[in-house]
Structure formats: C-alpha cells, structure tokens
Amino acid sequence: GKRYEKRGRKIAYLTRGAAKGVVTS
C-alpha cells in the first residue's frame, strides 16, 4: 500500500513490463 522505494530503483517506469521486471526480481 505504500509507494515502493528501494535504493537504485526508479519511482516510475515508462512501461508496465519494466515495472513487472522489478517486481519479479
């Protein structure tokens, strides 16, 4: 429920696929 913040990660992604890759990893 909170915006995901982790060192080295972006706040927003331009594609859903890029965001899904971060979630998967």
mmCIF file of all heavy atoms, coordinates in Angstrom:
data_MODEL
# 
_entry.id   MODEL 
# 
loop_
_atom_site.group_PDB 
_atom_site.id 
_atom_site.type_symbol 
_atom_site.label_atom_id 
_atom_site.label_alt_id 
_atom_site.label_comp_id 
_atom_site.label_asym_id 
_atom_site.label_entity_id 
_atom_site.label_seq_id 
_atom_site.pdbx_PDB_ins_code 
_atom_site.Cartn_x 
_atom_site.Cartn_y 
_atom_site.Cartn_z 
_atom_site.occupancy 
_atom_site.B_iso_or_equiv 
_atom_site.pdbx_formal_charge 
_atom_site.auth_seq_id 
_atom_site.auth_comp_id 
_atom_site.auth_asym_id 
_atom_site.auth_atom_id 
_atom_site.pdbx_PDB_model_num 
ATOM 1   N N   . GLY A 1 1  ? 0.770  -1.234  0.000   1.00 0.00 ? 1  GLY A N   1 
ATOM 2   C CA  . GLY A 1 1  ? 0.000  0.000   0.000   1.00 0.00 ? 1  GLY A CA  1 
ATOM 3   C C   . GLY A 1 1  ? 0.805  1.290   0.000   1.00 0.00 ? 1  GLY A C   1 
ATOM 4   O O   . GLY A 1 1  ? 0.238  2.365   -0.062  1.00 0.00 ? 1  GLY A O   1 
ATOM 5   N N   . LYS A 1 2  ? 2.126  1.205   0.043   1.00 0.00 ? 2  LYS A N   1 
ATOM 6   C CA  . LYS A 1 2  ? 2.978  2.397   0.030   1.00 0.00 ? 2  LYS A CA  1 
ATOM 7   C C   . LYS A 1 2  ? 3.844  2.386   -1.213  1.00 0.00 ? 2  LYS A C   1 
ATOM 8   O O   . LYS A 1 2  ? 4.235  1.315   -1.693  1.00 0.00 ? 2  LYS A O   1 
ATOM 9   C CB  . LYS A 1 2  ? 3.886  2.431   1.266   1.00 0.00 ? 2  LYS A CB  1 
ATOM 10  C CG  . LYS A 1 2  ? 3.123  2.518   2.569   1.00 0.00 ? 2  LYS A CG  1 
ATOM 11  C CD  . LYS A 1 2  ? 4.081  2.526   3.737   1.00 0.00 ? 2  LYS A CD  1 
ATOM 12  C CE  . LYS A 1 2  ? 3.303  2.546   5.043   1.00 0.00 ? 2  LYS A CE  1 
ATOM 13  N NZ  . LYS A 1 2  ? 4.187  2.452   6.196   1.00 0.00 ? 2  LYS A NZ  1 
ATOM 14  N N   . ARG A 1 3  ? 4.135  3.590   -1.714  1.00 0.00 ? 3  ARG A N   1 
ATOM 15  C CA  . ARG A 1 3  ? 4.991  3.662   -2.899  1.00 0.00 ? 3  ARG A CA  1 
ATOM 16  C C   . ARG A 1 3  ? 6.306  2.946   -2.609  1.00 0.00 ? 3  ARG A C   1 
ATOM 17  O O   . ARG A 1 3  ? 6.926  3.156   -1.569  1.00 0.00 ? 3  ARG A O   1 
ATOM 18  C CB  . ARG A 1 3  ? 5.245  5.114   -3.295  1.00 0.00 ? 3  ARG A CB  1 
ATOM 19  C CG  . ARG A 1 3  ? 5.914  5.199   -4.673  1.00 0.00 ? 3  ARG A CG  1 
ATOM 20  C CD  . ARG A 1 3  ? 6.115  6.599   -5.133  1.00 0.00 ? 3  ARG A CD  1 
ATOM 21  N NE  . ARG A 1 3  ? 7.254  7.116   -4.391  1.00 0.00 ? 3  ARG A NE  1 
ATOM 22  C CZ  . ARG A 1 3  ? 7.418  8.374   -4.039  1.00 0.00 ? 3  ARG A CZ  1 
ATOM 23  N NH1 . ARG A 1 3  ? 6.536  9.269   -4.346  1.00 0.00 ? 3  ARG A NH1 1 
ATOM 24  N NH2 . ARG A 1 3  ? 8.486  8.747   -3.365  1.00 0.00 ? 3  ARG A NH2 1 
ATOM 25  N N   . TYR A 1 4  ? 6.701  2.103   -3.513  1.00 0.00 ? 4  TYR A N   1 
ATOM 26  C CA  . TYR A 1 4  ? 7.895  1.283   -3.333  1.00 0.00 ? 4  TYR A CA  1 
ATOM 27  C C   . TYR A 1 4  ? 9.137  2.119   -3.544  1.00 0.00 ? 4  TYR A C   1 
ATOM 28  O O   . TYR A 1 4  ? 9.322  2.721   -4.598  1.00 0.00 ? 4  TYR A O   1 
ATOM 29  C CB  . TYR A 1 4  ? 7.864  0.113   -4.323  1.00 0.00 ? 4  TYR A CB  1 
ATOM 30  C CG  . TYR A 1 4  ? 9.002  -0.854  -4.183  1.00 0.00 ? 4  TYR A CG  1 
ATOM 31  C CD1 . TYR A 1 4  ? 9.266  -1.463  -2.968  1.00 0.00 ? 4  TYR A CD1 1 
ATOM 32  C CD2 . TYR A 1 4  ? 9.800  -1.177  -5.255  1.00 0.00 ? 4  TYR A CD2 1 
ATOM 33  C CE1 . TYR A 1 4  ? 10.304 -2.368  -2.834  1.00 0.00 ? 4  TYR A CE1 1 
ATOM 34  C CE2 . TYR A 1 4  ? 10.828 -2.088  -5.146  1.00 0.00 ? 4  TYR A CE2 1 
ATOM 35  C CZ  . TYR A 1 4  ? 11.078 -2.686  -3.929  1.00 0.00 ? 4  TYR A CZ  1 
ATOM 36  O OH  . TYR A 1 4  ? 12.113 -3.578  -3.802  1.00 0.00 ? 4  TYR A OH  1 
ATOM 37  N N   . GLU A 1 5  ? 9.948  2.165   -2.517  1.00 0.00 ? 5  GLU A N   1 
ATOM 38  C CA  . GLU A 1 5  ? 11.208 2.895   -2.594  1.00 0.00 ? 5  GLU A CA  1 
ATOM 39  C C   . GLU A 1 5  ? 12.328 1.969   -2.151  1.00 0.00 ? 5  GLU A C   1 
ATOM 40  O O   . GLU A 1 5  ? 12.306 1.446   -1.044  1.00 0.00 ? 5  GLU A O   1 
ATOM 41  C CB  . GLU A 1 5  ? 11.162 4.126   -1.697  1.00 0.00 ? 5  GLU A CB  1 
ATOM 42  C CG  . GLU A 1 5  ? 10.137 5.151   -2.144  1.00 0.00 ? 5  GLU A CG  1 
ATOM 43  C CD  . GLU A 1 5  ? 10.093 6.377   -1.248  1.00 0.00 ? 5  GLU A CD  1 
ATOM 44  O OE1 . GLU A 1 5  ? 11.048 6.593   -0.475  1.00 0.00 ? 5  GLU A OE1 1 
ATOM 45  O OE2 . GLU A 1 5  ? 9.098  7.102   -1.314  1.00 0.00 ? 5  GLU A OE2 1 
ATOM 46  N N   . LYS A 1 6  ? 13.250 1.760   -3.034  1.00 0.00 ? 6  LYS A N   1 
ATOM 47  C CA  . LYS A 1 6  ? 14.419 0.945   -2.733  1.00 0.00 ? 6  LYS A CA  1 
ATOM 48  C C   . LYS A 1 6  ? 15.596 1.579   -3.445  1.00 0.00 ? 6  LYS A C   1 
ATOM 49  O O   . LYS A 1 6  ? 15.476 2.028   -4.587  1.00 0.00 ? 6  LYS A O   1 
ATOM 50  C CB  . LYS A 1 6  ? 14.215 -0.494  -3.214  1.00 0.00 ? 6  LYS A CB  1 
ATOM 51  C CG  . LYS A 1 6  ? 15.344 -1.418  -2.839  1.00 0.00 ? 6  LYS A CG  1 
ATOM 52  C CD  . LYS A 1 6  ? 15.059 -2.838  -3.284  1.00 0.00 ? 6  LYS A CD  1 
ATOM 53  C CE  . LYS A 1 6  ? 16.246 -3.709  -2.947  1.00 0.00 ? 6  LYS A CE  1 
ATOM 54  N NZ  . LYS A 1 6  ? 16.213 -4.980  -3.652  1.00 0.00 ? 6  LYS A NZ  1 
ATOM 55  N N   . ARG A 1 7  ? 16.699 1.627   -2.775  1.00 0.00 ? 7  ARG A N   1 
ATOM 56  C CA  . ARG A 1 7  ? 17.891 2.240   -3.353  1.00 0.00 ? 7  ARG A CA  1 
ATOM 57  C C   . ARG A 1 7  ? 18.189 1.615   -4.720  1.00 0.00 ? 7  ARG A C   1 
ATOM 58  O O   . ARG A 1 7  ? 18.174 0.410   -4.889  1.00 0.00 ? 7  ARG A O   1 
ATOM 59  C CB  . ARG A 1 7  ? 19.070 2.029   -2.417  1.00 0.00 ? 7  ARG A CB  1 
ATOM 60  C CG  . ARG A 1 7  ? 20.290 2.763   -2.850  1.00 0.00 ? 7  ARG A CG  1 
ATOM 61  C CD  . ARG A 1 7  ? 21.368 2.628   -1.830  1.00 0.00 ? 7  ARG A CD  1 
ATOM 62  N NE  . ARG A 1 7  ? 22.504 3.411   -2.277  1.00 0.00 ? 7  ARG A NE  1 
ATOM 63  C CZ  . ARG A 1 7  ? 23.632 3.472   -1.640  1.00 0.00 ? 7  ARG A CZ  1 
ATOM 64  N NH1 . ARG A 1 7  ? 23.793 2.818   -0.517  1.00 0.00 ? 7  ARG A NH1 1 
ATOM 65  N NH2 . ARG A 1 7  ? 24.617 4.189   -2.111  1.00 0.00 ? 7  ARG A NH2 1 
ATOM 66  N N   . GLY A 1 8  ? 18.413 2.477   -5.685  1.00 0.00 ? 8  GLY A N   1 
ATOM 67  C CA  . GLY A 1 8  ? 18.725 2.012   -7.030  1.00 0.00 ? 8  GLY A CA  1 
ATOM 68  C C   . GLY A 1 8  ? 17.509 1.770   -7.907  1.00 0.00 ? 8  GLY A C   1 
ATOM 69  O O   . GLY A 1 8  ? 17.639 1.398   -9.063  1.00 0.00 ? 8  GLY A O   1 
ATOM 70  N N   . ARG A 1 9  ? 16.317 1.964   -7.354  1.00 0.00 ? 9  ARG A N   1 
ATOM 71  C CA  . ARG A 1 9  ? 15.094 1.764   -8.133  1.00 0.00 ? 9  ARG A CA  1 
ATOM 72  C C   . ARG A 1 9  ? 14.458 3.104   -8.468  1.00 0.00 ? 9  ARG A C   1 
ATOM 73  O O   . ARG A 1 9  ? 14.511 4.047   -7.698  1.00 0.00 ? 9  ARG A O   1 
ATOM 74  C CB  . ARG A 1 9  ? 14.084 0.904   -7.363  1.00 0.00 ? 9  ARG A CB  1 
ATOM 75  C CG  . ARG A 1 9  ? 14.542 -0.506  -7.116  1.00 0.00 ? 9  ARG A CG  1 
ATOM 76  C CD  . ARG A 1 9  ? 14.662 -1.252  -8.414  1.00 0.00 ? 9  ARG A CD  1 
ATOM 77  N NE  . ARG A 1 9  ? 14.897 -2.676  -8.182  1.00 0.00 ? 9  ARG A NE  1 
ATOM 78  C CZ  . ARG A 1 9  ? 15.346 -3.491  -9.097  1.00 0.00 ? 9  ARG A CZ  1 
ATOM 79  N NH1 . ARG A 1 9  ? 15.636 -3.036  -10.304 1.00 0.00 ? 9  ARG A NH1 1 
ATOM 80  N NH2 . ARG A 1 9  ? 15.530 -4.754  -8.835  1.00 0.00 ? 9  ARG A NH2 1 
ATOM 81  N N   . LYS A 1 10 ? 13.826 3.161   -9.621  1.00 0.00 ? 10 LYS A N   1 
ATOM 82  C CA  . LYS A 1 10 ? 13.146 4.386   -10.055 1.00 0.00 ? 10 LYS A CA  1 
ATOM 83  C C   . LYS A 1 10 ? 11.818 4.543   -9.303  1.00 0.00 ? 10 LYS A C   1 
ATOM 84  O O   . LYS A 1 10 ? 11.290 3.589   -8.750  1.00 0.00 ? 10 LYS A O   1 
ATOM 85  C CB  . LYS A 1 10 ? 12.852 4.315   -11.550 1.00 0.00 ? 10 LYS A CB  1 
ATOM 86  C CG  . LYS A 1 10 ? 14.090 4.253   -12.402 1.00 0.00 ? 10 LYS A CG  1 
ATOM 87  C CD  . LYS A 1 10 ? 13.688 4.126   -13.859 1.00 0.00 ? 10 LYS A CD  1 
ATOM 88  C CE  . LYS A 1 10 ? 14.903 4.000   -14.738 1.00 0.00 ? 10 LYS A CE  1 
ATOM 89  N NZ  . LYS A 1 10 ? 14.544 3.841   -16.141 1.00 0.00 ? 10 LYS A NZ  1 
ATOM 90  N N   . ILE A 1 11 ? 11.274 5.734   -9.363  1.00 0.00 ? 11 ILE A N   1 
ATOM 91  C CA  . ILE A 1 11 ? 9.964  5.991   -8.770  1.00 0.00 ? 11 ILE A CA  1 
ATOM 92  C C   . ILE A 1 11 ? 8.872  5.588   -9.753  1.00 0.00 ? 11 ILE A C   1 
ATOM 93  O O   . ILE A 1 11 ? 7.835  5.064   -9.360  1.00 0.00 ? 11 ILE A O   1 
ATOM 94  C CB  . ILE A 1 11 ? 9.828  7.480   -8.386  1.00 0.00 ? 11 ILE A CB  1 
ATOM 95  C CG1 . ILE A 1 11 ? 10.795 7.782   -7.242  1.00 0.00 ? 11 ILE A CG1 1 
ATOM 96  C CG2 . ILE A 1 11 ? 8.404  7.821   -8.018  1.00 0.00 ? 11 ILE A CG2 1 
ATOM 97  C CD1 . ILE A 1 11 ? 10.884 9.254   -6.895  1.00 0.00 ? 11 ILE A CD1 1 
ATOM 98  N N   . ALA A 1 12 ? 9.096  5.815   -11.040 1.00 0.00 ? 12 ALA A N   1 
ATOM 99  C CA  . ALA A 1 12 ? 8.104  5.495   -12.069 1.00 0.00 ? 12 ALA A CA  1 
ATOM 100 C C   . ALA A 1 12 ? 8.806  4.864   -13.265 1.00 0.00 ? 12 ALA A C   1 
ATOM 101 O O   . ALA A 1 12 ? 9.982  5.129   -13.529 1.00 0.00 ? 12 ALA A O   1 
ATOM 102 C CB  . ALA A 1 12 ? 7.366  6.759   -12.495 1.00 0.00 ? 12 ALA A CB  1 
ATOM 103 N N   . TYR A 1 13 ? 8.048  4.027   -13.983 1.00 0.00 ? 13 TYR A N   1 
ATOM 104 C CA  . TYR A 1 13 ? 8.575  3.329   -15.151 1.00 0.00 ? 13 TYR A CA  1 
ATOM 105 C C   . TYR A 1 13 ? 7.725  3.678   -16.365 1.00 0.00 ? 13 TYR A C   1 
ATOM 106 O O   . TYR A 1 13 ? 6.524  3.911   -16.249 1.00 0.00 ? 13 TYR A O   1 
ATOM 107 C CB  . TYR A 1 13 ? 8.576  1.816   -14.897 1.00 0.00 ? 13 TYR A CB  1 
ATOM 108 C CG  . TYR A 1 13 ? 9.525  1.455   -13.783 1.00 0.00 ? 13 TYR A CG  1 
ATOM 109 C CD1 . TYR A 1 13 ? 9.122  1.521   -12.454 1.00 0.00 ? 13 TYR A CD1 1 
ATOM 110 C CD2 . TYR A 1 13 ? 10.836 1.120   -14.051 1.00 0.00 ? 13 TYR A CD2 1 
ATOM 111 C CE1 . TYR A 1 13 ? 10.001 1.234   -11.421 1.00 0.00 ? 13 TYR A CE1 1 
ATOM 112 C CE2 . TYR A 1 13 ? 11.729 0.835   -13.027 1.00 0.00 ? 13 TYR A CE2 1 
ATOM 113 C CZ  . TYR A 1 13 ? 11.300 0.900   -11.720 1.00 0.00 ? 13 TYR A CZ  1 
ATOM 114 O OH  . TYR A 1 13 ? 12.184 0.638   -10.708 1.00 0.00 ? 13 TYR A OH  1 
ATOM 115 N N   . LEU A 1 14 ? 8.329  3.694   -17.533 1.00 0.00 ? 14 LEU A N   1 
ATOM 116 C CA  . LEU A 1 14 ? 7.625  4.075   -18.753 1.00 0.00 ? 14 LEU A CA  1 
ATOM 117 C C   . LEU A 1 14 ? 6.816  2.938   -19.370 1.00 0.00 ? 14 LEU A C   1 
ATOM 118 O O   . LEU A 1 14 ? 5.929  3.184   -20.174 1.00 0.00 ? 14 LEU A O   1 
ATOM 119 C CB  . LEU A 1 14 ? 8.615  4.623   -19.784 1.00 0.00 ? 14 LEU A CB  1 
ATOM 120 C CG  . LEU A 1 14 ? 9.346  5.901   -19.356 1.00 0.00 ? 14 LEU A CG  1 
ATOM 121 C CD1 . LEU A 1 14 ? 10.339 6.315   -20.433 1.00 0.00 ? 14 LEU A CD1 1 
ATOM 122 C CD2 . LEU A 1 14 ? 8.357  7.013   -19.072 1.00 0.00 ? 14 LEU A CD2 1 
ATOM 123 N N   . THR A 1 15 ? 7.116  1.701   -18.983 1.00 0.00 ? 15 THR A N   1 
ATOM 124 C CA  . THR A 1 15 ? 6.345  0.565   -19.485 1.00 0.00 ? 15 THR A CA  1 
ATOM 125 C C   . THR A 1 15 ? 5.958  -0.333  -18.309 1.00 0.00 ? 15 THR A C   1 
ATOM 126 O O   . THR A 1 15 ? 6.664  -0.415  -17.307 1.00 0.00 ? 15 THR A O   1 
ATOM 127 C CB  . THR A 1 15 ? 7.141  -0.281  -20.498 1.00 0.00 ? 15 THR A CB  1 
ATOM 128 O OG1 . THR A 1 15 ? 8.259  -0.878  -19.838 1.00 0.00 ? 15 THR A OG1 1 
ATOM 129 C CG2 . THR A 1 15 ? 7.602  0.555   -21.678 1.00 0.00 ? 15 THR A CG2 1 
ATOM 130 N N   . ARG A 1 16 ? 4.817  -1.001  -18.475 1.00 0.00 ? 16 ARG A N   1 
ATOM 131 C CA  . ARG A 1 16 ? 4.375  -1.945  -17.448 1.00 0.00 ? 16 ARG A CA  1 
ATOM 132 C C   . ARG A 1 16 ? 5.384  -3.100  -17.348 1.00 0.00 ? 16 ARG A C   1 
ATOM 133 O O   . ARG A 1 16 ? 5.650  -3.613  -16.266 1.00 0.00 ? 16 ARG A O   1 
ATOM 134 C CB  . ARG A 1 16 ? 2.985  -2.482  -17.776 1.00 0.00 ? 16 ARG A CB  1 
ATOM 135 C CG  . ARG A 1 16 ? 2.466  -3.477  -16.749 1.00 0.00 ? 16 ARG A CG  1 
ATOM 136 C CD  . ARG A 1 16 ? 1.044  -3.912  -17.034 1.00 0.00 ? 16 ARG A CD  1 
ATOM 137 N NE  . ARG A 1 16 ? 0.089  -2.854  -16.848 1.00 0.00 ? 16 ARG A NE  1 
ATOM 138 C CZ  . ARG A 1 16 ? -0.434 -2.503  -15.675 1.00 0.00 ? 16 ARG A CZ  1 
ATOM 139 N NH1 . ARG A 1 16 ? -0.070 -3.129  -14.586 1.00 0.00 ? 16 ARG A NH1 1 
ATOM 140 N NH2 . ARG A 1 16 ? -1.308 -1.529  -15.595 1.00 0.00 ? 16 ARG A NH2 1 
ATOM 141 N N   . GLY A 1 17 ? 5.958  -3.490  -18.473 1.00 0.00 ? 17 GLY A N   1 
ATOM 142 C CA  . GLY A 1 17 ? 6.932  -4.582  -18.475 1.00 0.00 ? 17 GLY A CA  1 
ATOM 143 C C   . GLY A 1 17 ? 8.153  -4.279  -17.618 1.00 0.00 ? 17 GLY A C   1 
ATOM 144 O O   . GLY A 1 17 ? 8.651  -5.161  -16.914 1.00 0.00 ? 17 GLY A O   1 
ATOM 145 N N   . ALA A 1 18 ? 8.632  -3.049  -17.680 1.00 0.00 ? 18 ALA A N   1 
ATOM 146 C CA  . ALA A 1 18 ? 9.782  -2.670  -16.852 1.00 0.00 ? 18 ALA A CA  1 
ATOM 147 C C   . ALA A 1 18 ? 9.421  -2.740  -15.368 1.00 0.00 ? 18 ALA A C   1 
ATOM 148 O O   . ALA A 1 18 ? 10.205 -3.229  -14.552 1.00 0.00 ? 18 ALA A O   1 
ATOM 149 C CB  . ALA A 1 18 ? 10.262 -1.271  -17.222 1.00 0.00 ? 18 ALA A CB  1 
ATOM 150 N N   . ALA A 1 19 ? 8.236  -2.266  -15.024 1.00 0.00 ? 19 ALA A N   1 
ATOM 151 C CA  . ALA A 1 19 ? 7.794  -2.315  -13.624 1.00 0.00 ? 19 ALA A CA  1 
ATOM 152 C C   . ALA A 1 19 ? 7.617  -3.762  -13.175 1.00 0.00 ? 19 ALA A C   1 
ATOM 153 O O   . ALA A 1 19 ? 8.008  -4.125  -12.050 1.00 0.00 ? 19 ALA A O   1 
ATOM 154 C CB  . ALA A 1 19 ? 6.490  -1.537  -13.456 1.00 0.00 ? 19 ALA A CB  1 
ATOM 155 N N   . LYS A 1 20 ? 7.062  -4.608  -14.040 1.00 0.00 ? 20 LYS A N   1 
ATOM 156 C CA  . LYS A 1 20 ? 6.879  -6.020  -13.696 1.00 0.00 ? 20 LYS A CA  1 
ATOM 157 C C   . LYS A 1 20 ? 8.222  -6.714  -13.485 1.00 0.00 ? 20 LYS A C   1 
ATOM 158 O O   . LYS A 1 20 ? 8.353  -7.582  -12.625 1.00 0.00 ? 20 LYS A O   1 
ATOM 159 C CB  . LYS A 1 20 ? 6.089  -6.735  -14.786 1.00 0.00 ? 20 LYS A CB  1 
ATOM 160 C CG  . LYS A 1 20 ? 4.610  -6.406  -14.762 1.00 0.00 ? 20 LYS A CG  1 
ATOM 161 C CD  . LYS A 1 20 ? 3.861  -7.075  -15.891 1.00 0.00 ? 20 LYS A CD  1 
ATOM 162 C CE  . LYS A 1 20 ? 3.573  -8.501  -15.538 1.00 0.00 ? 20 LYS A CE  1 
ATOM 163 N NZ  . LYS A 1 20 ? 2.700  -9.166  -16.523 1.00 0.00 ? 20 LYS A NZ  1 
ATOM 164 N N   . GLY A 1 21 ? 9.226  -6.325  -14.267 1.00 0.00 ? 21 GLY A N   1 
ATOM 165 C CA  . GLY A 1 21 ? 10.559 -6.904  -14.097 1.00 0.00 ? 21 GLY A CA  1 
ATOM 166 C C   . GLY A 1 21 ? 11.130 -6.599  -12.724 1.00 0.00 ? 21 GLY A C   1 
ATOM 167 O O   . GLY A 1 21 ? 11.750 -7.462  -12.092 1.00 0.00 ? 21 GLY A O   1 
ATOM 168 N N   . VAL A 1 22 ? 10.913 -5.382  -12.253 1.00 0.00 ? 22 VAL A N   1 
ATOM 169 C CA  . VAL A 1 22 ? 11.382 -5.000  -10.911 1.00 0.00 ? 22 VAL A CA  1 
ATOM 170 C C   . VAL A 1 22 ? 10.644 -5.807  -9.852  1.00 0.00 ? 22 VAL A C   1 
ATOM 171 O O   . VAL A 1 22 ? 11.249 -6.333  -8.914  1.00 0.00 ? 22 VAL A O   1 
ATOM 172 C CB  . VAL A 1 22 ? 11.190 -3.483  -10.676 1.00 0.00 ? 22 VAL A CB  1 
ATOM 173 C CG1 . VAL A 1 22 ? 11.429 -3.119  -9.223  1.00 0.00 ? 22 VAL A CG1 1 
ATOM 174 C CG2 . VAL A 1 22 ? 12.118 -2.691  -11.580 1.00 0.00 ? 22 VAL A CG2 1 
ATOM 175 N N   . VAL A 1 23 ? 9.332  -5.935  -10.001 1.00 0.00 ? 23 VAL A N   1 
ATOM 176 C CA  . VAL A 1 23 ? 8.536  -6.699  -9.033  1.00 0.00 ? 23 VAL A CA  1 
ATOM 177 C C   . VAL A 1 23 ? 8.994  -8.155  -9.005  1.00 0.00 ? 23 VAL A C   1 
ATOM 178 O O   . VAL A 1 23 ? 9.173  -8.742  -7.935  1.00 0.00 ? 23 VAL A O   1 
ATOM 179 C CB  . VAL A 1 23 ? 7.025  -6.601  -9.352  1.00 0.00 ? 23 VAL A CB  1 
ATOM 180 C CG1 . VAL A 1 23 ? 6.218  -7.590  -8.526  1.00 0.00 ? 23 VAL A CG1 1 
ATOM 181 C CG2 . VAL A 1 23 ? 6.527  -5.185  -9.112  1.00 0.00 ? 23 VAL A CG2 1 
ATOM 182 N N   . THR A 1 24 ? 9.210  -8.740  -10.162 1.00 0.00 ? 24 THR A N   1 
ATOM 183 C CA  . THR A 1 24 ? 9.661  -10.125 -10.239 1.00 0.00 ? 24 THR A CA  1 
ATOM 184 C C   . THR A 1 24 ? 11.001 -10.304 -9.550  1.00 0.00 ? 24 THR A C   1 
ATOM 185 O O   . THR A 1 24 ? 11.185 -11.203 -8.718  1.00 0.00 ? 24 THR A O   1 
ATOM 186 C CB  . THR A 1 24 ? 9.757  -10.579 -11.706 1.00 0.00 ? 24 THR A CB  1 
ATOM 187 O OG1 . THR A 1 24 ? 8.462  -10.484 -12.301 1.00 0.00 ? 24 THR A OG1 1 
ATOM 188 C CG2 . THR A 1 24 ? 10.271 -12.001 -11.821 1.00 0.00 ? 24 THR A CG2 1 
ATOM 189 N N   . SER A 1 25 ? 11.942 -9.450  -9.861  1.00 0.00 ? 25 SER A N   1 
ATOM 190 C CA  . SER A 1 25 ? 13.278 -9.545  -9.290  1.00 0.00 ? 25 SER A CA  1 
ATOM 191 C C   . SER A 1 25 ? 13.270 -9.326  -7.778  1.00 0.00 ? 25 SER A C   1 
ATOM 192 O O   . SER A 1 25 ? 13.836 -10.117 -7.019  1.00 0.00 ? 25 SER A O   1 
ATOM 193 C CB  . SER A 1 25 ? 14.187 -8.512  -9.958  1.00 0.00 ? 25 SER A CB  1 
ATOM 194 O OG  . SER A 1 25 ? 15.442 -8.477  -9.335  1.00 0.00 ? 25 SER A OG  1 
# 
